[in-house]
Amino acid sequence: MIEELKRNGLKSSKCVHYSFHTGGSKPTLHFLWKVNECQSEGDIITNCLQVIKKIEAEMPVYERRVTKKQFMNAFGFVD
């Protein structure tokens, strides 16, 4: 998918790719955004860290104990 985006026009823009893995068997989420090429590297890094913090704050958290309890309630206990 990323390679397709590069072929279709993003190769001329400066972009950041961030992948977020929630864990377990859930798929990795990929985020891609353009950055202002006129900014200094320090400013780009600062802005990217702010975006990453926002992404991580909005991602769902899967609590293992709750998930296990819901699974056991739905399917019962197997010996």
PDB file of N, CA and C in Angstrom:
ATOM      1  N   MET A   1       0.820  -1.191   0.000  1.00  0.00           N
ATOM      2  CA  MET A   1       0.000   0.000   0.000  1.00  0.00           C
ATOM      3  C   MET A   1       0.865   1.256   0.000  1.00  0.00           C
ATOM      4  N   ILE A   2       1.884   1.298   0.844  1.00  0.00           N
ATOM      5  CA  ILE A   2       2.764   2.475   0.915  1.00  0.00           C
ATOM      6  C   ILE A   2       3.501   2.650  -0.411  1.00  0.00           C
ATOM      7  N   GLU A   3       3.966   1.536  -0.967  1.00  0.00           N
ATOM      8  CA  GLU A   3       4.668   1.616  -2.256  1.00  0.00           C
ATOM      9  C   GLU A   3       3.746   2.164  -3.340  1.00  0.00           C
ATOM     10  N   GLU A   4       2.486   1.788  -3.294  1.00  0.00           N
ATOM     11  CA  GLU A   4       1.518   2.297  -4.264  1.00  0.00           C
ATOM     12  C   GLU A   4       1.328   3.808  -4.086  1.00  0.00           C
ATOM     13  N   LEU A   5       1.276   4.262  -2.847  1.00  0.00           N
ATOM     14  CA  LEU A   5       1.162   5.697  -2.596  1.00  0.00           C
ATOM     15  C   LEU A   5       2.381   6.443  -3.123  1.00  0.00           C
ATOM     16  N   LYS A   6       3.563   5.864  -2.948  1.00  0.00           N
ATOM     17  CA  LYS A   6       4.787   6.499  -3.454  1.00  0.00           C
ATOM     18  C   LYS A   6       4.744   6.613  -4.973  1.00  0.00           C
ATOM     19  N   ARG A   7       4.302   5.552  -5.633  1.00  0.00           N
ATOM     20  CA  ARG A   7       4.229   5.554  -7.093  1.00  0.00           C
ATOM     21  C   ARG A   7       3.224   6.576  -7.611  1.00  0.00           C
ATOM     22  N   ASN A   8       2.179   6.832  -6.832  1.00  0.00           N
ATOM     23  CA  ASN A   8       1.103   7.711  -7.292  1.00  0.00           C
ATOM     24  C   ASN A   8       1.220   9.145  -6.802  1.00  0.00           C
ATOM     25  N   GLY A   9       2.400   9.586  -6.432  1.00  0.00           N
ATOM     26  CA  GLY A   9       2.573  11.000  -6.166  1.00  0.00           C
ATOM     27  C   GLY A   9       3.215  11.405  -4.862  1.00  0.00           C
ATOM     28  N   LEU A  10       3.324  10.537  -3.900  1.00  0.00           N
ATOM     29  CA  LEU A  10       3.920  10.955  -2.640  1.00  0.00           C
ATOM     30  C   LEU A  10       5.438  11.002  -2.689  1.00  0.00           C
ATOM     31  N   LYS A  11       6.030  10.436  -3.711  1.00  0.00           N
ATOM     32  CA  LYS A  11       7.489  10.426  -3.764  1.00  0.00           C
ATOM     33  C   LYS A  11       8.066  11.830  -3.895  1.00  0.00           C
ATOM     34  N   SER A  12       7.252  12.784  -4.338  1.00  0.00           N
ATOM     35  CA  SER A  12       7.756  14.152  -4.458  1.00  0.00           C
ATOM     36  C   SER A  12       7.518  14.968  -3.190  1.00  0.00           C
ATOM     37  N   SER A  13       6.876  14.368  -2.191  1.00  0.00           N
ATOM     38  CA  SER A  13       6.602  15.061  -0.932  1.00  0.00           C
ATOM     39  C   SER A  13       7.359  14.398   0.206  1.00  0.00           C
ATOM     40  N   LYS A  14       7.740  15.198   1.179  1.00  0.00           N
ATOM     41  CA  LYS A  14       8.393  14.664   2.369  1.00  0.00           C
ATOM     42  C   LYS A  14       7.297  14.184   3.312  1.00  0.00           C
ATOM     43  N   CYS A  15       7.324  12.902   3.650  1.00  0.00           N
ATOM     44  CA  CYS A  15       6.275  12.295   4.468  1.00  0.00           C
ATOM     45  C   CYS A  15       6.874  11.500   5.619  1.00  0.00           C
ATOM     46  N   VAL A  16       6.035  11.243   6.604  1.00  0.00           N
ATOM     47  CA  VAL A  16       6.413  10.419   7.744  1.00  0.00           C
ATOM     48  C   VAL A  16       5.478   9.225   7.777  1.00  0.00           C
ATOM     49  N   HIS A  17       6.049   8.055   7.992  1.00  0.00           N
ATOM     50  CA  HIS A  17       5.275   6.825   8.138  1.00  0.00           C
ATOM     51  C   HIS A  17       5.424   6.355   9.573  1.00  0.00           C
ATOM     52  N   TYR A  18       4.279   6.108  10.222  1.00  0.00           N
ATOM     53  CA  TYR A  18       4.281   5.621  11.598  1.00  0.00           C
ATOM     54  C   TYR A  18       3.387   4.395  11.658  1.00  0.00           C
ATOM     55  N   SER A  19       3.903   3.309  12.193  1.00  0.00           N
ATOM     56  CA  SER A  19       3.086   2.100  12.346  1.00  0.00           C
ATOM     57  C   SER A  19       2.862   1.847  13.833  1.00  0.00           C
ATOM     58  N   PHE A  20       1.630   1.498  14.159  1.00  0.00           N
ATOM     59  CA  PHE A  20       1.219   1.289  15.538  1.00  0.00           C
ATOM     60  C   PHE A  20       0.694  -0.128  15.666  1.00  0.00           C
ATOM     61  N   HIS A  21       1.349  -0.923  16.488  1.00  0.00           N
ATOM     62  CA  HIS A  21       0.918  -2.309  16.700  1.00  0.00           C
ATOM     63  C   HIS A  21       0.241  -2.400  18.053  1.00  0.00           C
ATOM     64  N   THR A  22      -1.038  -2.795  18.045  1.00  0.00           N
ATOM     65  CA  THR A  22      -1.801  -2.844  19.288  1.00  0.00           C
ATOM     66  C   THR A  22      -1.509  -4.107  20.078  1.00  0.00           C
ATOM     67  N   GLY A  23      -0.868  -5.078  19.459  1.00  0.00           N
ATOM     68  CA  GLY A  23      -0.518  -6.305  20.163  1.00  0.00           C
ATOM     69  C   GLY A  23      -1.423  -7.459  19.789  1.00  0.00           C
ATOM     70  N   GLY A  24      -0.968  -8.636  20.146  1.00  0.00           N
ATOM     71  CA  GLY A  24      -1.752  -9.839  19.873  1.00  0.00           C
ATOM     72  C   GLY A  24      -1.935 -10.078  18.393  1.00  0.00           C
ATOM     73  N   SER A  25      -3.091 -10.578  18.039  1.00  0.00           N
ATOM     74  CA  SER A  25      -3.360 -10.917  16.642  1.00  0.00           C
ATOM     75  C   SER A  25      -3.992  -9.763  15.880  1.00  0.00           C
ATOM     76  N   LYS A  26      -4.087  -8.613  16.502  1.00  0.00           N
ATOM     77  CA  LYS A  26      -4.691  -7.468  15.836  1.00  0.00           C
ATOM     78  C   LYS A  26      -3.701  -6.889  14.822  1.00  0.00           C
ATOM     79  N   PRO A  27      -4.217  -6.387  13.710  1.00  0.00           N
ATOM     80  CA  PRO A  27      -3.312  -5.883  12.665  1.00  0.00           C
ATOM     81  C   PRO A  27      -2.618  -4.590  13.085  1.00  0.00           C
ATOM     82  N   THR A  28      -1.495  -4.346  12.470  1.00  0.00           N
ATOM     83  CA  THR A  28      -0.761  -3.105  12.687  1.00  0.00           C
ATOM     84  C   THR A  28      -1.451  -1.999  11.906  1.00  0.00           C
ATOM     85  N   LEU A  29      -1.591  -0.841  12.529  1.00  0.00           N
ATOM     86  CA  LEU A  29      -2.188   0.315  11.871  1.00  0.00           C
ATOM     87  C   LEU A  29      -1.071   1.200  11.343  1.00  0.00           C
ATOM     88  N   HIS A  30      -1.250   1.698  10.129  1.00  0.00           N
ATOM     89  CA  HIS A  30      -0.234   2.538   9.500  1.00  0.00           C
ATOM     90  C   HIS A  30      -0.783   3.947   9.301  1.00  0.00           C
ATOM     91  N   PHE A  31       0.032   4.928   9.636  1.00  0.00           N
ATOM     92  CA  PHE A  31      -0.331   6.331   9.484  1.00  0.00           C
ATOM     93  C   PHE A  31       0.733   7.000   8.632  1.00  0.00           C
ATOM     94  N   LEU A  32       0.296   7.885   7.770  1.00  0.00           N
ATOM     95  CA  LEU A  32       1.199   8.576   6.860  1.00  0.00           C
ATOM     96  C   LEU A  32       0.757  10.026   6.768  1.00  0.00           C
ATOM     97  N   TRP A  33       1.694  10.951   6.946  1.00  0.00           N
ATOM     98  CA  TRP A  33       1.341  12.352   6.813  1.00  0.00           C
ATOM     99  C   TRP A  33       2.501  13.120   6.212  1.00  0.00           C
ATOM    100  N   LYS A  34       2.133  14.216   5.524  1.00  0.00           N
ATOM    101  CA  LYS A  34       3.128  15.094   4.926  1.00  0.00           C
ATOM    102  C   LYS A  34       3.701  16.006   5.992  1.00  0.00           C
ATOM    103  N   VAL A  35       4.946  16.400   5.785  1.00  0.00           N
ATOM    104  CA  VAL A  35       5.574  17.381   6.665  1.00  0.00           C
ATOM    105  C   VAL A  35       6.008  18.584   5.826  1.00  0.00           C
ATOM    106  N   ASN A  36       6.093  19.711   6.483  1.00  0.00           N
ATOM    107  CA  ASN A  36       6.499  20.946   5.827  1.00  0.00           C
ATOM    108  C   ASN A  36       8.007  20.893   5.578  1.00  0.00           C
ATOM    109  N   GLU A  37       8.393  20.913   4.340  1.00  0.00           N
ATOM    110  CA  GLU A  37       9.812  20.798   3.978  1.00  0.00           C
ATOM    111  C   GLU A  37      10.616  22.040   4.358  1.00  0.00           C
ATOM    112  N   CYS A  38       9.929  23.155   4.636  1.00  0.00           N
ATOM    113  CA  CYS A  38      10.625  24.396   4.992  1.00  0.00           C
ATOM    114  C   CYS A  38      11.026  24.432   6.465  1.00  0.00           C
ATOM    115  N   GLN A  39      10.489  23.509   7.269  1.00  0.00           N
ATOM    116  CA  GLN A  39      10.806  23.488   8.697  1.00  0.00           C
ATOM    117  C   GLN A  39      12.164  22.856   8.934  1.00  0.00           C
ATOM    118  N   SER A  40      12.739  23.183  10.066  1.00  0.00           N
ATOM    119  CA  SER A  40      14.002  22.555  10.446  1.00  0.00           C
ATOM    120  C   SER A  40      13.723  21.118  10.880  1.00  0.00           C
ATOM    121  N   GLU A  41      14.752  20.302  10.887  1.00  0.00           N
ATOM    122  CA  GLU A  41      14.589  18.903  11.297  1.00  0.00           C
ATOM    123  C   GLU A  41      14.058  18.805  12.724  1.00  0.00           C
ATOM    124  N   GLY A  42      14.532  19.699  13.601  1.00  0.00           N
ATOM    125  CA  GLY A  42      14.069  19.708  14.991  1.00  0.00           C
ATOM    126  C   GLY A  42      12.574  19.989  15.090  1.00  0.00           C
ATOM    127  N   ASP A  43      12.093  20.952  14.302  1.00  0.00           N
ATOM    128  CA  ASP A  43      10.667  21.279  14.307  1.00  0.00           C
ATOM    129  C   ASP A  43       9.834  20.129  13.736  1.00  0.00           C
ATOM    130  N   ILE A  44      10.348  19.484  12.699  1.00  0.00           N
ATOM    131  CA  ILE A  44       9.645  18.345  12.108  1.00  0.00           C
ATOM    132  C   ILE A  44       9.516  17.227  13.138  1.00  0.00           C
ATOM    133  N   ILE A  45      10.606  16.950  13.840  1.00  0.00           N
ATOM    134  CA  ILE A  45      10.584  15.889  14.858  1.00  0.00           C
ATOM    135  C   ILE A  45       9.599  16.241  15.973  1.00  0.00           C
ATOM    136  N   THR A  46       9.624  17.488  16.428  1.00  0.00           N
ATOM    137  CA  THR A  46       8.702  17.923  17.486  1.00  0.00           C
ATOM    138  C   THR A  46       7.254  17.762  17.045  1.00  0.00           C
ATOM    139  N   ASN A  47       6.937  18.197  15.818  1.00  0.00           N
ATOM    140  CA  ASN A  47       5.573  18.078  15.305  1.00  0.00           C
ATOM    141  C   ASN A  47       5.161  16.615  15.155  1.00  0.00           C
ATOM    142  N   CYS A  48       6.086  15.789  14.688  1.00  0.00           N
ATOM    143  CA  CYS A  48       5.779  14.360  14.525  1.00  0.00           C
ATOM    144  C   CYS A  48       5.517  13.699  15.879  1.00  0.00           C
ATOM    145  N   LEU A  49       6.286  14.044  16.882  1.00  0.00           N
ATOM    146  CA  LEU A  49       6.063  13.491  18.213  1.00  0.00           C
ATOM    147  C   LEU A  49       4.699  13.887  18.759  1.00  0.00           C
ATOM    148  N   GLN A  50       4.261  15.105  18.465  1.00  0.00           N
ATOM    149  CA  GLN A  50       2.932  15.544  18.889  1.00  0.00           C
ATOM    150  C   GLN A  50       1.841  14.730  18.190  1.00  0.00           C
ATOM    151  N   VAL A  51       2.017  14.485  16.898  1.00  0.00           N
ATOM    152  CA  VAL A  51       1.045  13.682  16.149  1.00  0.00           C
ATOM    153  C   VAL A  51       1.009  12.256  16.692  1.00  0.00           C
ATOM    154  N   ILE A  52       2.179  11.682  16.949  1.00  0.00           N
ATOM    155  CA  ILE A  52       2.256  10.308  17.461  1.00  0.00           C
ATOM    156  C   ILE A  52       1.595  10.214  18.835  1.00  0.00           C
ATOM    157  N   LYS A  53       1.826  11.194  19.698  1.00  0.00           N
ATOM    158  CA  LYS A  53       1.182  11.205  21.022  1.00  0.00           C
ATOM    159  C   LYS A  53      -0.337  11.224  20.876  1.00  0.00           C
ATOM    160  N   LYS A  54      -0.827  12.022  19.944  1.00  0.00           N
ATOM    161  CA  LYS A  54      -2.278  12.114  19.730  1.00  0.00           C
ATOM    162  C   LYS A  54      -2.826  10.782  19.198  1.00  0.00           C
ATOM    163  N   ILE A  55      -2.114  10.180  18.263  1.00  0.00           N
ATOM    164  CA  ILE A  55      -2.537   8.878  17.728  1.00  0.00           C
ATOM    165  C   ILE A  55      -2.614   7.854  18.852  1.00  0.00           C
ATOM    166  N   GLU A  56      -1.561   7.764  19.641  1.00  0.00           N
ATOM    167  CA  GLU A  56      -1.512   6.769  20.717  1.00  0.00           C
ATOM    168  C   GLU A  56      -2.574   7.023  21.785  1.00  0.00           C
ATOM    169  N   ALA A  57      -2.897   8.285  22.031  1.00  0.00           N
ATOM    170  CA  ALA A  57      -3.921   8.607  23.027  1.00  0.00           C
ATOM    171  C   ALA A  57      -5.309   8.183  22.560  1.00  0.00           C
ATOM    172  N   GLU A  58      -5.518   8.171  21.253  1.00  0.00           N
ATOM    173  CA  GLU A  58      -6.838   7.844  20.716  1.00  0.00           C
ATOM    174  C   GLU A  58      -7.008   6.363  20.354  1.00  0.00           C
ATOM    175  N   MET A  59      -5.952   5.592  20.476  1.00  0.00           N
ATOM    176  CA  MET A  59      -6.043   4.167  20.169  1.00  0.00           C
ATOM    177  C   MET A  59      -6.742   3.422  21.310  1.00  0.00           C
ATOM    178  N   PRO A  60      -7.557   2.437  20.964  1.00  0.00           N
ATOM    179  CA  PRO A  60      -8.214   1.659  22.020  1.00  0.00           C
ATOM    180  C   PRO A  60      -7.197   0.806  22.775  1.00  0.00           C
ATOM    181  N   VAL A  61      -7.466   0.605  24.047  1.00  0.00           N
ATOM    182  CA  VAL A  61      -6.616  -0.234  24.884  1.00  0.00           C
ATOM    183  C   VAL A  61      -7.382  -1.521  25.161  1.00  0.00           C
ATOM    184  N   TYR A  62      -6.742  -2.641  24.899  1.00  0.00           N
ATOM    185  CA  TYR A  62      -7.379  -3.930  25.119  1.00  0.00           C
ATOM    186  C   TYR A  62      -6.842  -4.517  26.413  1.00  0.00           C
ATOM    187  N   GLU A  63      -7.712  -4.639  27.374  1.00  0.00           N
ATOM    188  CA  GLU A  63      -7.331  -5.176  28.669  1.00  0.00           C
ATOM    189  C   GLU A  63      -7.462  -6.689  28.617  1.00  0.00           C
ATOM    190  N   ARG A  64      -6.363  -7.388  28.833  1.00  0.00           N
ATOM    191  CA  ARG A  64      -6.351  -8.844  28.719  1.00  0.00           C
ATOM    192  C   ARG A  64      -7.317  -9.523  29.677  1.00  0.00           C
ATOM    193  N   ARG A  65      -7.361  -9.083  30.911  1.00  0.00           N
ATOM    194  CA  ARG A  65      -8.227  -9.739  31.890  1.00  0.00           C
ATOM    195  C   ARG A  65      -9.695  -9.598  31.510  1.00  0.00           C
ATOM    196  N   VAL A  66     -10.063  -8.418  31.056  1.00  0.00           N
ATOM    197  CA  VAL A  66     -11.453  -8.184  30.657  1.00  0.00           C
ATOM    198  C   VAL A  66     -11.790  -9.043  29.448  1.00  0.00           C
ATOM    199  N   THR A  67     -10.882  -9.074  28.475  1.00  0.00           N
ATOM    200  CA  THR A  67     -11.107  -9.875  27.279  1.00  0.00           C
ATOM    201  C   THR A  67     -11.224 -11.350  27.635  1.00  0.00           C
ATOM    202  N   LYS A  68     -10.354 -11.826  28.499  1.00  0.00           N
ATOM    203  CA  LYS A  68     -10.391 -13.238  28.908  1.00  0.00           C
ATOM    204  C   LYS A  68     -11.696 -13.542  29.641  1.00  0.00           C
ATOM    205  N   LYS A  69     -12.129 -12.661  30.520  1.00  0.00           N
ATOM    206  CA  LYS A  69     -13.367 -12.871  31.264  1.00  0.00           C
ATOM    207  C   LYS A  69     -14.557 -12.917  30.309  1.00  0.00           C
ATOM    208  N   GLN A  70     -14.601 -12.003  29.340  1.00  0.00           N
ATOM    209  CA  GLN A  70     -15.690 -11.993  28.363  1.00  0.00           C
ATOM    210  C   GLN A  70     -15.679 -13.273  27.530  1.00  0.00           C
ATOM    211  N   PHE A  71     -14.499 -13.746  27.176  1.00  0.00           N
ATOM    212  CA  PHE A  71     -14.378 -14.981  26.408  1.00  0.00           C
ATOM    213  C   PHE A  71     -14.906 -16.158  27.226  1.00  0.00           C
ATOM    214  N   MET A  72     -14.499 -16.238  28.484  1.00  0.00           N
ATOM    215  CA  MET A  72     -14.932 -17.336  29.345  1.00  0.00           C
ATOM    216  C   MET A  72     -16.448 -17.302  29.553  1.00  0.00           C
ATOM    217  N   ASN A  73     -17.004 -16.120  29.727  1.00  0.00           N
ATOM    218  CA  ASN A  73     -18.443 -16.004  29.895  1.00  0.00           C
ATOM    219  C   ASN A  73     -19.192 -16.413  28.638  1.00  0.00           C
ATOM    220  N   ALA A  74     -18.623 -16.104  27.477  1.00  0.00           N
ATOM    221  CA  ALA A  74     -19.284 -16.428  26.216  1.00  0.00           C
ATOM    222  C   ALA A  74     -19.176 -17.901  25.850  1.00  0.00           C
ATOM    223  N   PHE A  75     -18.013 -18.506  26.121  1.00  0.00           N
ATOM    224  CA  PHE A  75     -17.777 -19.867  25.645  1.00  0.00           C
ATOM    225  C   PHE A  75     -17.628 -20.900  26.759  1.00  0.00           C
ATOM    226  N   GLY A  76     -17.542 -20.479  27.974  1.00  0.00           N
ATOM    227  CA  GLY A  76     -17.433 -21.405  29.087  1.00  0.00           C
ATOM    228  C   GLY A  76     -16.013 -21.872  29.324  1.00  0.00           C
ATOM    229  N   PHE A  77     -15.860 -22.725  30.310  1.00  0.00           N
ATOM    230  CA  PHE A  77     -14.568 -23.248  30.698  1.00  0.00           C
ATOM    231  C   PHE A  77     -14.365 -24.630  30.099  1.00  0.00           C
ATOM    232  N   VAL A  78     -13.193 -24.883  29.575  1.00  0.00           N
ATOM    233  CA  VAL A  78     -12.875 -26.180  28.974  1.00  0.00           C
ATOM    234  C   VAL A  78     -11.757 -26.817  29.785  1.00  0.00           C
ATOM    235  N   ASP A  79     -11.952 -28.071  30.167  1.00  0.00           N
ATOM    236  CA  ASP A  79     -10.908 -28.783  30.909  1.00  0.00           C
ATOM    237  C   ASP A  79     -10.067 -29.614  29.980  1.00  0.00           C
TER     238      ASP A  79
END
